[in-house]
Protein backbone atom coordinates (compact mmCIF):
# COMPACT_ATOMS: atom_id res chain seq x y z
CA MET A 1 0.00 0.00 0.00
CA LEU A 2 1.11 3.55 -0.66
CA HIS A 3 1.43 5.52 2.58
CA ARG A 4 -0.07 9.01 2.60
CA LYS A 5 0.08 11.78 5.14
CA LYS A 6 -3.21 12.35 6.92
CA SER A 7 -3.04 16.02 6.00
CA LEU A 8 -3.45 15.27 2.28
CA ARG A 9 -6.92 16.59 1.39
CA ARG A 10 -9.39 14.87 -0.92
CA ARG A 11 -11.60 17.04 -3.12
CA ILE A 12 -13.96 16.56 -6.01
CA GLY A 13 -12.49 18.22 -9.07
CA VAL A 14 -8.86 18.47 -7.93
CA ILE A 15 -6.09 17.51 -10.31
CA ALA A 16 -4.33 14.45 -8.92
CA LEU A 17 -0.56 14.31 -8.98
CA ILE A 18 0.35 10.77 -9.90
CA VAL A 19 3.36 8.61 -10.56
CA MET A 20 4.11 8.17 -14.27
CA LEU A 21 6.55 5.40 -15.12
CA GLY A 22 7.43 4.58 -18.72
CA SER A 23 4.54 5.35 -21.08
CA LEU A 24 2.15 8.29 -20.90
CA LEU A 25 -0.82 7.72 -18.63
CA VAL A 26 -3.85 9.32 -20.23
CA GLY A 27 -6.25 11.06 -17.88
CA LEU A 28 -8.58 14.03 -17.58
CA ILE A 29 -9.46 16.55 -14.92
CA ALA A 30 -12.55 15.45 -13.01
CA ALA A 31 -15.64 17.22 -14.29
CA MET A 32 -17.21 19.74 -11.98
CA PRO A 33 -19.68 22.59 -12.45
CA VAL A 34 -18.04 25.94 -13.05
CA LYS A 35 -18.72 28.20 -10.08
CA ALA A 36 -19.10 31.62 -11.65
CA ALA A 37 -21.56 34.41 -12.07
CA ALA A 38 -23.10 34.28 -15.53
CA PRO A 39 -26.37 35.69 -16.86
CA PRO A 40 -29.30 33.34 -16.27
CA LEU A 41 -30.40 31.17 -19.17
CA THR A 42 -33.66 29.28 -19.58
CA LEU A 43 -34.35 27.14 -22.64
CA ALA A 44 -37.73 26.08 -24.02
CA ALA A 45 -36.93 22.38 -23.62
CA LYS A 46 -37.54 19.52 -21.22
CA SER A 47 -33.84 19.07 -20.54
CA ALA A 48 -30.49 20.57 -21.51
CA ILE A 49 -26.80 20.69 -20.64
CA LEU A 50 -23.64 22.39 -21.90
CA LEU A 51 -20.10 21.24 -21.21
CA ASP A 52 -16.56 21.99 -22.31
CA SER A 53 -15.19 19.15 -24.40
CA ALA A 54 -11.58 19.52 -23.24
CA THR A 55 -12.28 19.50 -19.51
CA GLY A 56 -15.72 17.95 -19.17
CA GLN A 57 -16.72 20.84 -16.95
CA ILE A 58 -20.42 21.63 -16.91
CA LEU A 59 -21.27 25.21 -17.79
CA PHE A 60 -25.07 24.98 -17.80
CA GLU A 61 -27.73 22.44 -16.96
CA GLN A 62 -31.50 22.40 -16.93
CA ASN A 63 -33.27 19.28 -15.64
CA ALA A 64 -30.29 17.37 -17.05
CA ASP A 65 -31.07 14.03 -15.40
CA ALA A 66 -34.59 13.58 -16.79
CA PRO A 67 -34.89 10.30 -18.77
CA ILE A 68 -36.11 11.12 -22.29
CA PRO A 69 -36.20 9.11 -25.56
CA PRO A 70 -33.25 10.31 -27.68
CA ALA A 71 -34.94 9.59 -31.05
CA SER A 72 -32.27 9.68 -33.79
CA LEU A 73 -29.58 10.74 -31.33
CA THR A 74 -29.49 6.95 -30.81
CA LYS A 75 -27.61 6.69 -34.11
CA LEU A 76 -24.48 8.15 -32.54
CA MET A 77 -24.09 4.96 -30.49
CA THR A 78 -24.58 2.93 -33.68
CA LEU A 79 -21.80 4.91 -35.36
CA HIS A 80 -19.61 4.61 -32.26
CA LEU A 81 -19.74 0.81 -32.42
CA VAL A 82 -18.99 0.83 -36.16
CA TYR A 83 -15.99 3.13 -35.63
CA ASN A 84 -14.77 0.85 -32.84
CA LYS A 85 -14.88 -2.15 -35.17
CA ILE A 86 -12.97 -0.20 -37.81
CA ALA A 87 -10.33 0.86 -35.27
CA ALA A 88 -9.97 -2.76 -34.16
CA GLY A 89 -9.34 -3.87 -37.75
CA GLN A 90 -12.52 -5.97 -37.78
CA LEU A 91 -14.27 -3.79 -40.36
CA LYS A 92 -13.35 -1.52 -43.27
CA LYS A 93 -15.25 1.41 -44.70
CA THR A 94 -14.81 -0.14 -48.13
CA ASP A 95 -16.46 -3.44 -47.09
CA LYS A 96 -19.54 -4.27 -49.16
CA VAL A 97 -22.78 -4.74 -47.22
CA ASN A 98 -25.64 -7.02 -48.15
CA ILE A 99 -28.95 -5.16 -47.83
CA GLY A 100 -31.63 -7.38 -46.35
CA THR A 101 -35.34 -6.84 -46.68
CA ASP A 102 -35.47 -5.48 -43.12
CA ALA A 103 -33.32 -2.53 -44.28
CA TRP A 104 -35.47 -1.85 -47.35
CA ALA A 105 -36.50 1.81 -47.36
CA ALA A 106 -39.81 0.92 -49.01
CA LYS A 107 -40.79 -0.82 -45.77
CA MET A 108 -40.26 2.38 -43.77
CA PRO A 109 -42.89 4.81 -45.12
CA GLY A 110 -42.83 8.24 -43.53
CA SER A 111 -39.42 7.54 -42.04
CA SER A 112 -36.09 9.24 -42.72
CA VAL A 113 -34.16 6.94 -45.08
CA MET A 114 -31.17 6.93 -47.44
CA PHE A 115 -33.21 4.87 -49.97
CA LEU A 116 -31.68 1.42 -49.58
CA GLU A 117 -33.11 -1.64 -51.29
CA PRO A 118 -31.99 -5.27 -51.63
CA GLY A 119 -29.45 -5.91 -54.37
CA GLN A 120 -27.75 -2.52 -54.14
CA ASN A 121 -23.97 -2.22 -54.13
CA VAL A 122 -23.20 -0.23 -50.97
CA THR A 123 -20.26 0.02 -48.57
CA VAL A 124 -19.93 0.49 -44.82
CA GLY A 125 -18.64 4.03 -45.39
CA GLU A 126 -21.64 4.95 -47.52
CA LEU A 127 -24.00 3.57 -44.90
CA MET A 128 -22.25 5.62 -42.21
CA LYS A 129 -22.84 8.76 -44.28
CA GLY A 130 -26.43 7.77 -44.95
CA LEU A 131 -26.93 7.29 -41.22
CA ALA A 132 -25.26 10.52 -40.08
CA ILE A 133 -26.31 13.04 -42.73
CA PRO A 134 -29.93 12.34 -43.80
CA SER A 135 -30.46 10.21 -40.64
CA GLY A 136 -31.37 7.07 -42.56
CA ASN A 137 -33.21 4.54 -40.43
CA ASP A 138 -32.62 1.98 -43.18
CA ALA A 139 -28.89 2.60 -42.86
CA ALA A 140 -29.07 1.94 -39.12
CA VAL A 141 -30.70 -1.45 -39.71
CA ALA A 142 -28.23 -2.37 -42.46
CA LEU A 143 -25.24 -1.54 -40.26
CA ALA A 144 -26.74 -3.38 -37.30
CA ASP A 145 -27.25 -6.50 -39.40
CA HIS A 146 -23.74 -6.29 -40.84
CA VAL A 147 -21.90 -5.64 -37.58
CA GLY A 148 -24.03 -7.61 -35.13
CA GLY A 149 -25.40 -10.35 -37.34
CA ASN A 150 -28.92 -9.14 -36.64
CA VAL A 151 -30.59 -6.13 -35.05
CA ASP A 152 -31.23 -7.75 -31.65
CA ALA A 153 -27.60 -8.80 -31.27
CA PHE A 154 -26.44 -5.32 -32.24
CA VAL A 155 -28.77 -3.68 -29.71
CA ALA A 156 -27.26 -5.93 -27.05
CA MET A 157 -23.84 -4.60 -28.11
CA MET A 158 -25.14 -1.02 -27.78
CA ASN A 159 -26.37 -1.60 -24.24
CA LYS A 160 -23.19 -3.40 -23.20
CA GLU A 161 -21.14 -0.46 -24.46
CA ALA A 162 -23.34 1.99 -22.53
CA GLN A 163 -22.85 -0.06 -19.37
CA ASP A 164 -19.11 -0.42 -19.95
CA LEU A 165 -18.85 3.37 -20.26
CA GLY A 166 -20.50 3.69 -16.87
CA PHE A 167 -23.89 5.08 -17.89
CA LYS A 168 -26.76 4.13 -15.59
CA THR A 169 -29.82 5.45 -17.44
CA MET A 170 -28.78 5.15 -21.10
CA HIS A 171 -30.60 2.22 -22.72
CA PHE A 172 -31.36 1.26 -26.31
CA ALA A 173 -34.13 -0.76 -27.93
CA ASP A 174 -33.19 -0.29 -31.60
CA PRO A 175 -30.24 1.10 -33.59
CA ALA A 176 -32.15 3.98 -35.20
CA GLY A 177 -34.02 5.61 -32.32
CA LEU A 178 -37.57 4.95 -33.49
CA SER A 179 -38.67 3.27 -30.27
CA PRO A 180 -39.77 5.33 -27.26
CA GLN A 181 -38.11 2.59 -25.19
CA ASN A 182 -34.73 4.12 -26.04
CA VAL A 183 -33.81 6.40 -23.17
CA VAL A 184 -31.00 8.82 -22.24
CA THR A 185 -30.44 11.81 -20.02
CA ALA A 186 -28.94 15.03 -21.31
CA ARG A 187 -26.07 14.65 -18.83
CA GLU A 188 -25.14 11.12 -19.87
CA TYR A 189 -25.59 11.81 -23.55
CA ALA A 190 -23.32 14.87 -23.41
CA GLN A 191 -20.69 12.78 -21.67
CA PHE A 192 -21.09 10.13 -24.35
CA ALA A 193 -20.81 12.74 -27.12
CA ARG A 194 -17.55 13.90 -25.55
CA ILE A 195 -16.23 10.33 -25.56
CA TYR A 196 -17.38 9.90 -29.16
CA ILE A 197 -15.60 13.05 -30.37
CA GLN A 198 -12.39 12.19 -28.55
CA ALA A 199 -12.41 8.60 -29.81
CA HIS A 200 -13.43 9.38 -33.39
CA PRO A 201 -12.44 12.99 -34.23
CA GLU A 202 -12.54 12.17 -37.95
CA ALA A 203 -16.31 11.71 -37.66
CA LEU A 204 -16.78 15.47 -37.48
CA THR A 205 -15.20 16.12 -40.87
CA GLU A 206 -16.25 13.00 -42.76
CA LEU A 207 -19.81 12.71 -41.42
CA HIS A 208 -21.34 15.29 -39.11
CA SER A 209 -20.26 18.51 -40.80
CA VAL A 210 -21.14 17.30 -44.33
CA LYS A 211 -24.08 19.38 -45.49
CA SER A 212 -25.74 17.00 -47.96
CA PHE A 213 -25.77 13.41 -49.16
CA SER A 214 -26.81 11.94 -52.54
CA TYR A 215 -27.87 8.32 -52.98
CA PRO A 216 -28.11 5.98 -54.82
CA LEU A 217 -25.37 6.84 -57.30
CA PRO A 218 -25.09 4.80 -60.52
CA GLN A 219 -22.51 2.45 -58.97
CA ASN A 220 -24.90 1.67 -56.11
CA LEU A 221 -27.83 0.54 -58.22
CA ALA A 222 -28.98 -3.05 -58.36
CA PRO A 223 -28.79 -4.68 -61.83
CA GLY A 224 -31.50 -3.32 -64.12
CA LYS A 225 -32.29 -0.33 -61.91
CA THR A 226 -32.11 3.27 -63.17
CA ASP A 227 -33.25 5.23 -60.10
CA PRO A 228 -31.88 8.80 -60.01
CA PRO A 229 -29.98 9.86 -56.89
CA VAL A 230 -31.83 11.73 -54.17
CA THR A 231 -29.92 14.59 -52.51
CA GLN A 232 -30.85 15.21 -48.90
CA PRO A 233 -29.58 17.92 -46.54
CA ASN A 234 -27.99 17.30 -43.18
CA ARG A 235 -30.73 17.51 -40.53
CA ASN A 236 -28.53 19.85 -38.46
CA SER A 237 -29.76 23.26 -39.59
CA LEU A 238 -26.92 25.09 -37.79
CA LEU A 239 -24.15 23.85 -40.11
CA GLY A 240 -22.73 26.83 -41.97
CA VAL A 241 -25.07 29.13 -40.05
CA LEU A 242 -23.69 29.32 -36.51
CA GLU A 243 -19.95 29.88 -36.10
CA GLY A 244 -17.92 26.75 -35.45
CA VAL A 245 -20.74 24.20 -35.55
CA ASP A 246 -19.56 20.88 -37.01
CA GLY A 247 -21.92 18.30 -35.50
CA LEU A 248 -23.49 16.23 -34.16
CA LYS A 249 -27.04 14.85 -34.52
CA THR A 250 -30.71 15.77 -34.39
CA GLY A 251 -33.78 13.67 -33.69
CA PHE A 252 -37.53 13.66 -33.26
CA ILE A 253 -40.26 11.30 -32.21
CA ASP A 254 -43.63 12.26 -30.74
CA GLU A 255 -42.73 10.90 -27.30
CA SER A 256 -39.67 13.12 -26.90
CA GLY A 257 -40.14 16.22 -29.02
CA TYR A 258 -37.26 17.76 -30.97
CA ASN A 259 -33.76 16.83 -29.80
CA ILE A 260 -30.24 17.93 -30.71
CA ALA A 261 -26.69 17.12 -29.72
CA VAL A 262 -24.66 20.05 -31.01
CA THR A 263 -20.96 20.83 -30.91
CA ALA A 264 -18.93 23.81 -32.04
CA LYS A 265 -15.29 24.83 -31.93
CA ARG A 266 -14.14 28.44 -31.76
CA GLY A 267 -10.40 28.91 -31.39
CA ASP A 268 -9.19 26.23 -28.99
CA MET A 269 -12.53 25.89 -27.22
CA ARG A 270 -15.00 23.14 -28.14
CA LEU A 271 -18.41 23.07 -26.48
CA ILE A 272 -20.93 20.24 -26.49
CA GLY A 273 -24.61 20.88 -25.88
CA VAL A 274 -27.51 18.46 -25.59
CA ILE A 275 -31.08 19.71 -25.70
CA LEU A 276 -34.00 17.29 -25.36
CA GLY A 277 -37.71 17.83 -25.70
CA VAL A 278 -37.98 21.08 -27.64
CA PRO A 279 -41.67 21.69 -28.49
CA GLY A 280 -43.10 22.24 -31.97
CA ARG A 281 -46.54 21.93 -33.48
CA ASP A 282 -45.06 20.67 -36.75
CA GLU A 283 -41.66 19.88 -38.25
CA LYS A 284 -41.04 23.42 -39.45
CA GLU A 285 -41.76 24.98 -36.06
CA GLY A 286 -39.97 22.25 -34.11
CA THR A 287 -36.84 22.49 -36.25
CA ALA A 288 -36.81 26.28 -35.89
CA ASN A 289 -37.30 26.09 -32.11
CA ARG A 290 -34.57 23.47 -31.80
CA GLY A 291 -32.13 25.60 -33.79
CA ALA A 292 -32.96 28.67 -31.74
CA ALA A 293 -32.41 26.80 -28.46
CA ALA A 294 -29.08 25.40 -29.62
CA THR A 295 -27.97 28.82 -30.83
CA ALA A 296 -28.88 30.41 -27.50
CA LEU A 297 -27.03 27.71 -25.55
CA LEU A 298 -23.79 27.87 -27.54
CA THR A 299 -23.82 31.67 -27.73
CA TRP A 300 -24.27 31.89 -23.95
CA GLY A 301 -21.38 29.47 -23.41
CA TYR A 302 -18.92 31.29 -25.65
CA GLN A 303 -19.90 34.71 -24.31
CA ASN A 304 -19.31 33.76 -20.69
CA PHE A 305 -16.54 31.14 -20.52
CA THR A 306 -13.09 30.39 -21.88
CA THR A 307 -10.72 27.40 -21.92
CA VAL A 308 -7.14 27.99 -20.76
CA LYS A 309 -3.92 26.10 -20.14
CA PRO A 310 -2.64 27.58 -16.89
CA THR A 311 0.99 28.16 -15.95
CA MET A 312 2.17 25.10 -14.07
CA PRO A 313 3.88 25.44 -10.68
CA ALA A 314 7.03 23.51 -9.85
CA ILE A 315 6.39 19.97 -8.61
CA THR A 316 9.07 18.64 -6.28
CA PRO A 317 10.29 15.02 -6.12
CA VAL A 318 8.89 12.72 -3.44
CA ARG A 319 11.31 10.73 -1.26
CA VAL A 320 10.91 6.96 -1.65
CA TRP A 321 12.02 4.73 1.23
CA LYS A 322 13.04 1.07 0.77
CA GLY A 323 12.84 1.34 -3.04
CA ALA A 324 15.16 0.79 -6.00
CA VAL A 325 15.30 4.58 -6.48
CA SER A 326 15.41 7.23 -3.78
CA GLU A 327 12.83 9.61 -5.24
CA VAL A 328 10.13 9.99 -7.87
CA THR A 329 8.60 13.12 -9.38
CA PRO A 330 4.81 12.93 -9.84
CA VAL A 331 3.03 14.53 -12.80
CA PRO A 332 -0.54 15.79 -13.30
CA HIS A 333 -3.08 13.13 -14.19
CA GLY A 334 -3.57 14.21 -17.81
CA ASP A 335 -3.32 17.54 -19.59
CA VAL A 336 -4.12 20.49 -17.34
CA VAL A 337 -6.78 22.48 -19.16
CA LEU A 338 -9.32 24.60 -17.30
CA THR A 339 -12.69 26.10 -18.14
CA VAL A 340 -13.21 29.40 -16.33
CA ALA A 341 -15.53 32.36 -16.48
CA LYS A 342 -14.16 35.08 -18.73
CA GLY A 343 -11.99 37.41 -16.70
CA GLN A 344 -10.88 34.68 -14.29
CA GLU A 345 -8.09 33.44 -16.55
CA THR A 346 -5.86 36.30 -15.36
CA LYS A 347 -6.64 35.64 -11.68
CA LEU A 348 -5.69 31.96 -11.44
CA THR A 349 -3.60 30.84 -8.49
CA SER A 350 -2.26 27.35 -7.79
CA THR A 351 -1.58 25.35 -4.64
CA ILE A 352 0.13 21.97 -4.33
CA HIS A 353 -0.51 19.47 -1.54
CA GLU A 354 2.12 16.79 -1.99
CA GLU A 355 3.54 13.85 -0.05
CA THR A 356 7.04 14.43 1.26
CA SER A 357 7.90 10.74 1.38
CA VAL A 358 6.40 7.31 0.72
CA ILE A 359 7.42 3.71 1.30
CA ALA A 360 8.01 1.46 -1.73
CA PRO A 361 6.53 -0.09 -3.79
CA VAL A 362 5.41 2.93 -5.84
CA LYS A 363 3.61 2.14 -9.09
CA LYS A 364 2.34 4.09 -12.05
CA GLY A 365 -0.98 5.75 -11.25
CA ASP A 366 -0.43 6.04 -7.51
CA LYS A 367 -1.68 9.37 -6.19
CA LEU A 368 1.01 11.42 -4.46
CA GLY A 369 -0.65 14.81 -4.22
CA GLU A 370 -3.17 17.33 -5.46
CA LEU A 371 -2.79 20.43 -7.60
CA ILE A 372 -5.53 22.97 -6.90
CA PHE A 373 -6.36 26.02 -9.02
CA ALA A 374 -8.50 28.87 -7.70
CA ALA A 375 -9.71 32.28 -8.82
CA ASP A 376 -11.19 34.99 -6.64
CA GLY A 377 -11.02 32.62 -3.69
CA GLN A 378 -13.10 29.91 -5.39
CA GLN A 379 -11.72 26.53 -6.36
CA VAL A 380 -11.76 26.09 -10.15
CA ALA A 381 -10.16 22.64 -10.41
């Protein structure tokens, strides 16, 4: 066991000083709400949250733990599993996919589709675009069949991944989001969106920021077919309209209302917002209300907060007794990046609470101290 002085304080949100031996140990500052005076914000939605992607710090929340059907926001988990398979070398974007009758667009009247039909020549990469851009429910089924063997098996994979990531409420009943039995909270979904962006940054440029999608192209058509391509816009109406927006996903079913997971990057600061249950009497009104709510949320975040890399204080070595070496110098657990209210970045102070000595063995990841940043007398991280 690693011996610690009793005076070492434990706090939520502090930056742990840990032992790093050999390879880089990846870690992040614990997420905590930013304590700062900012103008009040109320959104016309059942639930909402805004966080900083780099730090995970929560800037705004409104009923963020209410369980609500995500609708097509579900498709982000479908894409996450596909990207994971590609990263593991178990799948390629160029792989051809057999389109079964369950993924036939003609069997999904009134649904958002990419216009799949059996016999078409289509790849995993094309299905990913058809899922992300026009929100094709047929693409979700086709990918689920291809990756999981069948839809039920794929849904089991979705729920296992949600559990493995530590989410307690998030649950899926289908890969497209049509069922009201799918459920998320704004808080968990924003955390998932952060994981998704960090794990698959290429998704923003190759999928979520693409403004339109045309399908089927001549090379996709089944033998004897001459169907012209249909060009559909990205369902995210803020692309190219609101500064920095490059994702992520929108959704709607009657049981939830209009939903959006939105992200934008301005300078070095990326924000992630999730808004669930925006009202609308019809698609036109609901889409407009959803866009207005997302605009208000991101604008409020960028007007009131900033992300900074603070000046690091000197960290002294810790004496090691009965070990192969006499001392070890701890390092912060991950990159030190802070989200602070604008104006606080020039007022940051730092304090270190560090062990003076420990008894071997000392291993990578052992906590040897805490680095605490404050501004105006309030702890920031």
